[in-house]
Amino acid sequence: MLALMWLANGCSHKSDTSAKAEPPPIVHTSAGDEMVLVPAGSFLMGSSDQTDATPAHQVWIDSFLIDRREVTQAQFEKLGFINTAHFKGAAHPMEQVSWPEAARFCNQRSIAEGLQPCYDIETAACKFQANGYRLPTEAEWEYACRAGSTQAFFFGNDIRPLTQYAWFAANSIHQTHPVGQKRPNPWGLFDITGNVAEWCNDRFDPDYYKSSPTNNPPGPAQGAKYCLRGGAWNSTEDQCRSDKRQGENPGFHDACFGRDFIGFRCVRKPFPNMTGTTE
């Protein structure tokens, strides 16, 4: 295991060539969870052949930490939340979780670790300057998923290897599976595609890429739906593409909201001079 140091550098836009050369470090939180320390860099977001993902555009992303695995039912229950998942199992991803509930989990996780909560639950506003947990922006999610790739999937354009990395309609047996059983992407993220689709912080606008800012795009200010990324156990191969977008009702006003294919993972700011290990 090699100890590394990565600086959270969001000021100078350096090339991300070094980020592609070797996997980013893995950091352990005070609660013992694994997160990947994603380096700052730029990438080509979107696609020229996906209707709501055009135009493909260059985006700069500051360094951030992202959960190595989808939030599990054990993690959810540990912080006092009721497990309403359909496919029960401590190591299974939490699903049937609304966007507001995911935001509340982020706040509670932040408080438990002595960090500043990011969300105003009443308004759904996110304080990006806070150092606590939040949901990833669409840009952060796609940057981490691609892990330096410019192709349809982080492993290339050939869909055949997808079974090695994801639980989706062709191999899931119509259910979720414990996190971390498939191969991770090149940056060490498990189930970044498949198993459960993941909430992003952004509201959904199919035309947002036409006016999206270049640096750390936060998503549109308004929108009835929120973004889902990554595909799920019931998704087709095409729905598992790195650039595939989906909008979903966040569940603010639907007491019967339940989607057993929707989960999430969290991100947060790294501390200065944070160190980690590689595998």
C-alpha atoms as a PDB file:
ATOM      1  CA  MET A   1       0.000   0.000   0.000  1.00  0.00           C
ATOM      2  CA  LEU A   2       1.452   3.315  -1.040  1.00  0.00           C
ATOM      3  CA  ALA A   3       0.637   6.472   0.907  1.00  0.00           C
ATOM      4  CA  LEU A   4      -0.154   9.431  -1.328  1.00  0.00           C
ATOM      5  CA  MET A   5      -0.966  13.097  -0.876  1.00  0.00           C
ATOM      6  CA  TRP A   6      -3.501  14.886  -3.028  1.00  0.00           C
ATOM      7  CA  LEU A   7      -4.224  18.603  -2.613  1.00  0.00           C
ATOM      8  CA  ALA A   8      -7.763  19.832  -3.055  1.00  0.00           C
ATOM      9  CA  ASN A   9      -6.845  22.352  -5.757  1.00  0.00           C
ATOM     10  CA  GLY A  10      -9.781  24.202  -7.235  1.00  0.00           C
ATOM     11  CA  CYS A  11      -7.918  27.369  -8.226  1.00  0.00           C
ATOM     12  CA  SER A  12      -5.456  26.470 -10.982  1.00  0.00           C
ATOM     13  CA  HIS A  13      -6.776  24.389 -13.846  1.00  0.00           C
ATOM     14  CA  LYS A  14      -4.007  21.873 -14.337  1.00  0.00           C
ATOM     15  CA  SER A  15      -4.152  18.919 -16.683  1.00  0.00           C
ATOM     16  CA  ASP A  16      -5.800  15.786 -15.293  1.00  0.00           C
ATOM     17  CA  THR A  17      -3.286  13.495 -17.038  1.00  0.00           C
ATOM     18  CA  SER A  18      -1.848  12.396 -13.692  1.00  0.00           C
ATOM     19  CA  ALA A  19      -5.345  11.496 -12.490  1.00  0.00           C
ATOM     20  CA  LYS A  20      -5.618   8.965 -15.306  1.00  0.00           C
ATOM     21  CA  ALA A  21      -2.172   7.486 -14.656  1.00  0.00           C
ATOM     22  CA  GLU A  22      -3.055   5.719 -11.405  1.00  0.00           C
ATOM     23  CA  PRO A  23      -6.116   5.251  -9.198  1.00  0.00           C
ATOM     24  CA  PRO A  24      -6.862   8.038  -6.707  1.00  0.00           C
ATOM     25  CA  PRO A  25      -6.310   7.344  -2.998  1.00  0.00           C
ATOM     26  CA  ILE A  26      -8.892   5.698  -0.758  1.00  0.00           C
ATOM     27  CA  VAL A  27      -9.690   7.582   2.449  1.00  0.00           C
ATOM     28  CA  HIS A  28     -11.364   6.185   5.569  1.00  0.00           C
ATOM     29  CA  THR A  29     -13.854   8.466   7.308  1.00  0.00           C
ATOM     30  CA  SER A  30     -14.107   8.737  11.085  1.00  0.00           C
ATOM     31  CA  ALA A  31     -17.060   6.353  10.865  1.00  0.00           C
ATOM     32  CA  GLY A  32     -14.911   3.814   9.007  1.00  0.00           C
ATOM     33  CA  ASP A  33     -16.460   4.235   5.562  1.00  0.00           C
ATOM     34  CA  GLU A  34     -14.309   4.168   2.435  1.00  0.00           C
ATOM     35  CA  MET A  35     -14.292   7.173   0.132  1.00  0.00           C
ATOM     36  CA  VAL A  36     -12.263   7.874  -2.999  1.00  0.00           C
ATOM     37  CA  LEU A  37     -10.303  11.132  -3.083  1.00  0.00           C
ATOM     38  CA  VAL A  38     -11.098  12.255  -6.622  1.00  0.00           C
ATOM     39  CA  PRO A  39      -8.486  14.671  -8.011  1.00  0.00           C
ATOM     40  CA  ALA A  40      -9.362  17.990  -9.588  1.00  0.00           C
ATOM     41  CA  GLY A  41      -9.438  17.932 -13.360  1.00  0.00           C
ATOM     42  CA  SER A  42     -11.390  18.503 -16.540  1.00  0.00           C
ATOM     43  CA  PHE A  43     -13.369  16.130 -18.729  1.00  0.00           C
ATOM     44  CA  LEU A  44     -15.767  16.056 -21.657  1.00  0.00           C
ATOM     45  CA  MET A  45     -19.258  15.786 -20.163  1.00  0.00           C
ATOM     46  CA  GLY A  46     -22.285  14.604 -22.112  1.00  0.00           C
ATOM     47  CA  SER A  47     -22.609  13.041 -25.533  1.00  0.00           C
ATOM     48  CA  SER A  48     -23.250  13.920 -29.143  1.00  0.00           C
ATOM     49  CA  ASP A  49     -25.735  11.067 -29.642  1.00  0.00           C
ATOM     50  CA  GLN A  50     -27.866  11.190 -26.460  1.00  0.00           C
ATOM     51  CA  THR A  51     -30.814  13.579 -26.851  1.00  0.00           C
ATOM     52  CA  ASP A  52     -30.781  15.116 -23.359  1.00  0.00           C
ATOM     53  CA  ALA A  53     -26.983  14.942 -22.933  1.00  0.00           C
ATOM     54  CA  THR A  54     -26.005  17.331 -25.719  1.00  0.00           C
ATOM     55  CA  PRO A  55     -23.906  19.176 -26.413  1.00  0.00           C
ATOM     56  CA  ALA A  56     -20.811  17.407 -25.142  1.00  0.00           C
ATOM     57  CA  HIS A  57     -18.905  20.111 -23.286  1.00  0.00           C
ATOM     58  CA  GLN A  58     -15.687  20.553 -21.331  1.00  0.00           C
ATOM     59  CA  VAL A  59     -16.139  20.859 -17.569  1.00  0.00           C
ATOM     60  CA  TRP A  60     -13.706  21.557 -14.721  1.00  0.00           C
ATOM     61  CA  ILE A  61     -14.273  19.788 -11.387  1.00  0.00           C
ATOM     62  CA  ASP A  62     -12.586  20.592  -8.077  1.00  0.00           C
ATOM     63  CA  SER A  63     -11.285  17.740  -5.949  1.00  0.00           C
ATOM     64  CA  PHE A  64     -13.884  15.925  -3.821  1.00  0.00           C
ATOM     65  CA  LEU A  65     -14.468  12.769  -1.802  1.00  0.00           C
ATOM     66  CA  ILE A  66     -17.067  10.248  -2.999  1.00  0.00           C
ATOM     67  CA  ASP A  67     -18.348   7.098  -1.321  1.00  0.00           C
ATOM     68  CA  ARG A  68     -16.662   4.055  -2.746  1.00  0.00           C
ATOM     69  CA  ARG A  69     -19.913   2.122  -2.438  1.00  0.00           C
ATOM     70  CA  GLU A  70     -23.585   2.985  -2.539  1.00  0.00           C
ATOM     71  CA  VAL A  71     -25.066   3.764   0.883  1.00  0.00           C
ATOM     72  CA  THR A  72     -26.120   0.476   2.427  1.00  0.00           C
ATOM     73  CA  GLN A  73     -29.116  -0.387   4.560  1.00  0.00           C
ATOM     74  CA  ALA A  74     -26.769  -0.953   7.518  1.00  0.00           C
ATOM     75  CA  GLN A  75     -25.396   2.590   7.177  1.00  0.00           C
ATOM     76  CA  PHE A  76     -28.911   3.970   6.852  1.00  0.00           C
ATOM     77  CA  GLU A  77     -30.148   2.230  10.002  1.00  0.00           C
ATOM     78  CA  LYS A  78     -26.993   3.097  11.969  1.00  0.00           C
ATOM     79  CA  LEU A  79     -27.932   6.781  11.829  1.00  0.00           C
ATOM     80  CA  GLY A  80     -31.445   6.116  13.088  1.00  0.00           C
ATOM     81  CA  PHE A  81     -33.343   6.004   9.805  1.00  0.00           C
ATOM     82  CA  ILE A  82     -36.110   3.484   9.173  1.00  0.00           C
ATOM     83  CA  ASN A  83     -35.215   0.874   6.587  1.00  0.00           C
ATOM     84  CA  THR A  84     -38.004   0.912   4.004  1.00  0.00           C
ATOM     85  CA  ALA A  85     -36.040  -0.956   1.338  1.00  0.00           C
ATOM     86  CA  HIS A  86     -37.820  -3.588  -0.712  1.00  0.00           C
ATOM     87  CA  PHE A  87     -34.838  -5.920  -1.100  1.00  0.00           C
ATOM     88  CA  LYS A  88     -33.719  -6.281   2.510  1.00  0.00           C
ATOM     89  CA  GLY A  89     -30.115  -6.950   3.459  1.00  0.00           C
ATOM     90  CA  ALA A  90     -27.580  -5.081   5.597  1.00  0.00           C
ATOM     91  CA  ALA A  91     -25.023  -4.987   2.770  1.00  0.00           C
ATOM     92  CA  HIS A  92     -27.592  -4.262   0.066  1.00  0.00           C
ATOM     93  CA  PRO A  93     -27.894  -0.694  -1.170  1.00  0.00           C
ATOM     94  CA  MET A  94     -30.565   1.427   0.445  1.00  0.00           C
ATOM     95  CA  GLU A  95     -33.442   1.911  -2.019  1.00  0.00           C
ATOM     96  CA  GLN A  96     -36.977   3.241  -2.040  1.00  0.00           C
ATOM     97  CA  VAL A  97     -35.431   6.410  -0.666  1.00  0.00           C
ATOM     98  CA  SER A  98     -36.697   9.833  -1.731  1.00  0.00           C
ATOM     99  CA  TRP A  99     -34.400  12.736  -2.550  1.00  0.00           C
ATOM    100  CA  PRO A 100     -35.328  14.647   0.654  1.00  0.00           C
ATOM    101  CA  GLU A 101     -34.671  11.529   2.724  1.00  0.00           C
ATOM    102  CA  ALA A 102     -31.245  11.138   1.090  1.00  0.00           C
ATOM    103  CA  ALA A 103     -30.540  14.801   1.898  1.00  0.00           C
ATOM    104  CA  ARG A 104     -31.576  14.270   5.522  1.00  0.00           C
ATOM    105  CA  PHE A 105     -29.236  11.288   5.716  1.00  0.00           C
ATOM    106  CA  CYS A 106     -26.399  13.465   4.409  1.00  0.00           C
ATOM    107  CA  ASN A 107     -27.084  16.048   7.132  1.00  0.00           C
ATOM    108  CA  GLN A 108     -27.260  13.444   9.879  1.00  0.00           C
ATOM    109  CA  ARG A 109     -24.069  11.790   8.672  1.00  0.00           C
ATOM    110  CA  SER A 110     -22.375  15.196   8.749  1.00  0.00           C
ATOM    111  CA  ILE A 111     -23.535  15.894  12.312  1.00  0.00           C
ATOM    112  CA  ALA A 112     -22.422  12.450  13.476  1.00  0.00           C
ATOM    113  CA  GLU A 113     -18.896  13.177  12.214  1.00  0.00           C
ATOM    114  CA  GLY A 114     -18.712  16.766  13.471  1.00  0.00           C
ATOM    115  CA  LEU A 115     -19.051  18.328  10.025  1.00  0.00           C
ATOM    116  CA  GLN A 116     -21.239  21.171   8.779  1.00  0.00           C
ATOM    117  CA  PRO A 117     -24.553  19.986   7.281  1.00  0.00           C
ATOM    118  CA  CYS A 118     -25.051  21.065   3.673  1.00  0.00           C
ATOM    119  CA  TYR A 119     -28.832  20.997   3.298  1.00  0.00           C
ATOM    120  CA  ASP A 120     -31.664  23.269   4.300  1.00  0.00           C
ATOM    121  CA  ILE A 121     -34.302  20.560   4.334  1.00  0.00           C
ATOM    122  CA  GLU A 122     -37.200  23.020   4.118  1.00  0.00           C
ATOM    123  CA  THR A 123     -36.008  24.588   0.859  1.00  0.00           C
ATOM    124  CA  ALA A 124     -33.751  21.804  -0.504  1.00  0.00           C
ATOM    125  CA  ALA A 125     -31.001  24.420  -0.892  1.00  0.00           C
ATOM    126  CA  CYS A 126     -27.447  23.089  -0.709  1.00  0.00           C
ATOM    127  CA  LYS A 127     -24.591  25.013   0.922  1.00  0.00           C
ATOM    128  CA  PHE A 128     -21.707  23.910  -1.267  1.00  0.00           C
ATOM    129  CA  GLN A 129     -19.217  25.760   0.936  1.00  0.00           C
ATOM    130  CA  ALA A 130     -20.044  23.489   3.920  1.00  0.00           C
ATOM    131  CA  ASN A 131     -17.664  20.596   4.601  1.00  0.00           C
ATOM    132  CA  GLY A 132     -20.376  18.038   5.326  1.00  0.00           C
ATOM    133  CA  TYR A 133     -21.917  15.338   3.180  1.00  0.00           C
ATOM    134  CA  ARG A 134     -24.217  15.987   0.237  1.00  0.00           C
ATOM    135  CA  LEU A 135     -25.344  14.324  -2.961  1.00  0.00           C
ATOM    136  CA  PRO A 136     -22.967  14.635  -5.934  1.00  0.00           C
ATOM    137  CA  THR A 137     -23.645  17.092  -8.700  1.00  0.00           C
ATOM    138  CA  GLU A 138     -24.291  15.513 -12.072  1.00  0.00           C
ATOM    139  CA  ALA A 139     -20.892  16.738 -13.226  1.00  0.00           C
ATOM    140  CA  GLU A 140     -19.096  15.243 -10.204  1.00  0.00           C
ATOM    141  CA  TRP A 141     -20.937  11.967 -10.658  1.00  0.00           C
ATOM    142  CA  GLU A 142     -20.098  11.657 -14.363  1.00  0.00           C
ATOM    143  CA  TYR A 143     -16.480  12.709 -13.818  1.00  0.00           C
ATOM    144  CA  ALA A 144     -16.037  10.020 -11.147  1.00  0.00           C
ATOM    145  CA  CYS A 145     -17.899   7.412 -13.200  1.00  0.00           C
ATOM    146  CA  ARG A 146     -15.878   8.004 -16.362  1.00  0.00           C
ATOM    147  CA  ALA A 147     -12.561   7.878 -14.491  1.00  0.00           C
ATOM    148  CA  GLY A 148     -10.770   9.394 -17.463  1.00  0.00           C
ATOM    149  CA  SER A 149     -12.763   7.621 -20.182  1.00  0.00           C
ATOM    150  CA  THR A 150     -14.352   9.448 -23.104  1.00  0.00           C
ATOM    151  CA  GLN A 151     -16.329   6.434 -24.319  1.00  0.00           C
ATOM    152  CA  ALA A 152     -19.889   5.247 -23.679  1.00  0.00           C
ATOM    153  CA  PHE A 153     -18.806   3.223 -20.623  1.00  0.00           C
ATOM    154  CA  PHE A 154     -15.728   3.675 -18.444  1.00  0.00           C
ATOM    155  CA  PHE A 155     -14.461   0.374 -19.869  1.00  0.00           C
ATOM    156  CA  GLY A 156     -15.064   1.314 -23.527  1.00  0.00           C
ATOM    157  CA  ASN A 157     -17.821   1.182 -26.140  1.00  0.00           C
ATOM    158  CA  ASP A 158     -18.246  -2.607 -26.196  1.00  0.00           C
ATOM    159  CA  ILE A 159     -21.167  -3.465 -23.888  1.00  0.00           C
ATOM    160  CA  ARG A 160     -20.094  -7.058 -23.280  1.00  0.00           C
ATOM    161  CA  PRO A 161     -17.844  -6.330 -20.243  1.00  0.00           C
ATOM    162  CA  LEU A 162     -20.778  -4.636 -18.466  1.00  0.00           C
ATOM    163  CA  THR A 163     -21.641  -7.896 -16.666  1.00  0.00           C
ATOM    164  CA  GLN A 164     -18.259  -7.719 -14.900  1.00  0.00           C
ATOM    165  CA  TYR A 165     -19.039  -4.290 -13.435  1.00  0.00           C
ATOM    166  CA  ALA A 166     -22.792  -3.983 -12.982  1.00  0.00           C
ATOM    167  CA  TRP A 167     -26.014  -5.611 -11.844  1.00  0.00           C
ATOM    168  CA  PHE A 168     -28.568  -4.734 -14.521  1.00  0.00           C
ATOM    169  CA  ALA A 169     -31.606  -6.287 -16.188  1.00  0.00           C
ATOM    170  CA  ALA A 170     -29.649  -9.049 -17.928  1.00  0.00           C
ATOM    171  CA  ASN A 171     -28.003 -10.490 -14.800  1.00  0.00           C
ATOM    172  CA  SER A 172     -29.659  -9.083 -11.637  1.00  0.00           C
ATOM    173  CA  ILE A 173     -32.442 -11.702 -11.301  1.00  0.00           C
ATOM    174  CA  HIS A 174     -34.835  -8.766 -10.738  1.00  0.00           C
ATOM    175  CA  GLN A 175     -33.303  -7.517  -7.489  1.00  0.00           C
ATOM    176  CA  THR A 176     -30.442  -5.571  -5.910  1.00  0.00           C
ATOM    177  CA  HIS A 177     -27.306  -7.282  -4.651  1.00  0.00           C
ATOM    178  CA  PRO A 178     -24.840  -6.561  -1.826  1.00  0.00           C
ATOM    179  CA  VAL A 179     -22.604  -3.641  -2.744  1.00  0.00           C
ATOM    180  CA  GLY A 180     -19.057  -4.221  -3.931  1.00  0.00           C
ATOM    181  CA  GLN A 181     -19.469  -7.662  -5.504  1.00  0.00           C
ATOM    182  CA  LYS A 182     -18.680  -6.563  -9.050  1.00  0.00           C
ATOM    183  CA  ARG A 183     -15.419  -5.084 -10.305  1.00  0.00           C
ATOM    184  CA  PRO A 184     -14.899  -1.373  -9.520  1.00  0.00           C
ATOM    185  CA  ASN A 185     -14.284   1.253 -12.166  1.00  0.00           C
ATOM    186  CA  PRO A 186     -10.664   2.392 -12.727  1.00  0.00           C
ATOM    187  CA  TRP A 187     -10.944   4.884  -9.862  1.00  0.00           C
ATOM    188  CA  GLY A 188     -12.062   2.209  -7.400  1.00  0.00           C
ATOM    189  CA  LEU A 189     -15.809   2.937  -7.297  1.00  0.00           C
ATOM    190  CA  PHE A 190     -18.094  -0.065  -6.943  1.00  0.00           C
ATOM    191  CA  ASP A 191     -21.576  -0.223  -8.513  1.00  0.00           C
ATOM    192  CA  ILE A 192     -21.159   3.218 -10.069  1.00  0.00           C
ATOM    193  CA  THR A 193     -23.352   1.763 -12.765  1.00  0.00           C
ATOM    194  CA  GLY A 194     -26.122  -0.749 -12.067  1.00  0.00           C
ATOM    195  CA  ASN A 195     -27.537  -2.113  -8.787  1.00  0.00           C
ATOM    196  CA  VAL A 196     -29.459   1.093  -7.923  1.00  0.00           C
ATOM    197  CA  ALA A 197     -29.725   4.384  -9.788  1.00  0.00           C
ATOM    198  CA  GLU A 198     -28.238   7.200  -7.736  1.00  0.00           C
ATOM    199  CA  TRP A 199     -29.706  10.564  -6.778  1.00  0.00           C
ATOM    200  CA  CYS A 200     -27.715  13.635  -7.745  1.00  0.00           C
ATOM    201  CA  ASN A 201     -27.953  17.033  -6.116  1.00  0.00           C
ATOM    202  CA  ASP A 202     -29.118  18.637  -9.369  1.00  0.00           C
ATOM    203  CA  ARG A 203     -32.621  19.386 -10.511  1.00  0.00           C
ATOM    204  CA  PHE A 204     -33.263  17.865 -13.923  1.00  0.00           C
ATOM    205  CA  ASP A 205     -33.374  19.945 -17.095  1.00  0.00           C
ATOM    206  CA  PRO A 206     -32.850  18.115 -20.406  1.00  0.00           C
ATOM    207  CA  ASP A 207     -31.503  21.340 -21.954  1.00  0.00           C
ATOM    208  CA  TYR A 208     -29.173  22.346 -19.104  1.00  0.00           C
ATOM    209  CA  TYR A 209     -25.995  21.399 -20.972  1.00  0.00           C
ATOM    210  CA  LYS A 210     -26.671  24.171 -23.496  1.00  0.00           C
ATOM    211  CA  SER A 211     -26.079  26.827 -20.827  1.00  0.00           C
ATOM    212  CA  SER A 212     -24.137  24.944 -18.155  1.00  0.00           C
ATOM    213  CA  PRO A 213     -21.177  26.811 -16.642  1.00  0.00           C
ATOM    214  CA  THR A 214     -17.691  25.438 -17.282  1.00  0.00           C
ATOM    215  CA  ASN A 215     -16.499  25.337 -13.673  1.00  0.00           C
ATOM    216  CA  ASN A 216     -18.213  23.009 -11.179  1.00  0.00           C
ATOM    217  CA  PRO A 217     -21.730  23.272 -12.677  1.00  0.00           C
ATOM    218  CA  PRO A 218     -24.273  23.134  -9.814  1.00  0.00           C
ATOM    219  CA  GLY A 219     -27.299  22.238 -11.917  1.00  0.00           C
ATOM    220  CA  PRO A 220     -30.324  24.384 -12.796  1.00  0.00           C
ATOM    221  CA  ALA A 221     -31.946  26.585 -10.163  1.00  0.00           C
ATOM    222  CA  GLN A 222     -35.438  25.221 -10.843  1.00  0.00           C
ATOM    223  CA  GLY A 223     -37.086  22.005 -11.927  1.00  0.00           C
ATOM    224  CA  ALA A 224     -39.790  19.638 -10.712  1.00  0.00           C
ATOM    225  CA  LYS A 225     -37.603  16.544 -11.019  1.00  0.00           C
ATOM    226  CA  TYR A 226     -34.131  15.618  -9.779  1.00  0.00           C
ATOM    227  CA  CYS A 227     -31.391  13.787 -11.632  1.00  0.00           C
ATOM    228  CA  LEU A 228     -30.695  10.077 -11.406  1.00  0.00           C
ATOM    229  CA  ARG A 229     -27.510   8.569 -12.796  1.00  0.00           C
ATOM    230  CA  GLY A 230     -25.932   5.163 -13.250  1.00  0.00           C
ATOM    231  CA  GLY A 231     -28.701   2.736 -14.154  1.00  0.00           C
ATOM    232  CA  ALA A 232     -30.059   0.055 -11.829  1.00  0.00           C
ATOM    233  CA  TRP A 233     -30.857  -3.636 -11.469  1.00  0.00           C
ATOM    234  CA  ASN A 234     -33.787  -3.213 -13.893  1.00  0.00           C
ATOM    235  CA  SER A 235     -31.926  -1.104 -16.474  1.00  0.00           C
ATOM    236  CA  THR A 236     -30.982  -1.919 -20.041  1.00  0.00           C
ATOM    237  CA  GLU A 237     -27.360  -1.759 -21.153  1.00  0.00           C
ATOM    238  CA  ASP A 238     -27.953   1.642 -22.733  1.00  0.00           C
ATOM    239  CA  GLN A 239     -29.329   3.038 -19.456  1.00  0.00           C
ATOM    240  CA  CYS A 240     -26.007   2.169 -17.794  1.00  0.00           C
ATOM    241  CA  ARG A 241     -23.964   4.470 -20.032  1.00  0.00           C
ATOM    242  CA  SER A 242     -21.735   7.021 -18.290  1.00  0.00           C
ATOM    243  CA  ASP A 243     -23.588   9.906 -19.969  1.00  0.00           C
ATOM    244  CA  LYS A 244     -27.135   8.631 -19.509  1.00  0.00           C
ATOM    245  CA  ARG A 245     -29.460  11.013 -17.645  1.00  0.00           C
ATOM    246  CA  GLN A 246     -32.862  10.505 -16.043  1.00  0.00           C
ATOM    247  CA  GLY A 247     -35.258  12.789 -14.167  1.00  0.00           C
ATOM    248  CA  GLU A 248     -37.407  11.497 -11.307  1.00  0.00           C
ATOM    249  CA  ASN A 249     -39.972  12.938  -8.889  1.00  0.00           C
ATOM    250  CA  PRO A 250     -38.018  13.682  -5.698  1.00  0.00           C
ATOM    251  CA  GLY A 251     -40.887  12.575  -3.476  1.00  0.00           C
ATOM    252  CA  PHE A 252     -41.565  15.908  -1.754  1.00  0.00           C
ATOM    253  CA  HIS A 253     -45.358  15.617  -2.008  1.00  0.00           C
ATOM    254  CA  ASP A 254     -45.944  11.914  -2.623  1.00  0.00           C
ATOM    255  CA  ALA A 255     -46.562  10.035   0.614  1.00  0.00           C
ATOM    256  CA  CYS A 256     -46.609   6.762  -1.313  1.00  0.00           C
ATOM    257  CA  PHE A 257     -43.302   7.431  -3.075  1.00  0.00           C
ATOM    258  CA  GLY A 258     -41.346   4.248  -3.495  1.00  0.00           C
ATOM    259  CA  ARG A 259     -38.852   3.189  -6.108  1.00  0.00           C
ATOM    260  CA  ASP A 260     -36.915   0.026  -5.357  1.00  0.00           C
ATOM    261  CA  PHE A 261     -34.352   0.924  -8.016  1.00  0.00           C
ATOM    262  CA  ILE A 262     -33.285   4.279  -6.524  1.00  0.00           C
ATOM    263  CA  GLY A 263     -30.459   4.726  -4.016  1.00  0.00           C
ATOM    264  CA  PHE A 264     -27.545   7.115  -3.548  1.00  0.00           C
ATOM    265  CA  ARG A 265     -23.969   7.709  -2.489  1.00  0.00           C
ATOM    266  CA  CYS A 266     -22.518  10.801  -0.816  1.00  0.00           C
ATOM    267  CA  VAL A 267     -19.717  13.250  -1.521  1.00  0.00           C
ATOM    268  CA  ARG A 268     -17.985  15.931   0.541  1.00  0.00           C
ATOM    269  CA  LYS A 269     -15.062  18.327   0.462  1.00  0.00           C
ATOM    270  CA  PRO A 270     -11.610  16.897   1.218  1.00  0.00           C
ATOM    271  CA  PHE A 271      -9.540  18.365   4.010  1.00  0.00           C
ATOM    272  CA  PRO A 272      -6.342  20.178   2.923  1.00  0.00           C
ATOM    273  CA  ASN A 273      -3.341  17.889   2.517  1.00  0.00           C
ATOM    274  CA  MET A 274      -5.523  14.818   3.000  1.00  0.00           C
ATOM    275  CA  THR A 275      -3.697  11.522   2.523  1.00  0.00           C
ATOM    276  CA  GLY A 276      -4.946   8.116   1.542  1.00  0.00           C
ATOM    277  CA  THR A 277      -3.838   4.746   0.245  1.00  0.00           C
ATOM    278  CA  THR A 278      -4.051   3.056  -3.137  1.00  0.00           C
ATOM    279  CA  GLU A 279      -4.765  -0.589  -3.852  1.00  0.00           C
END
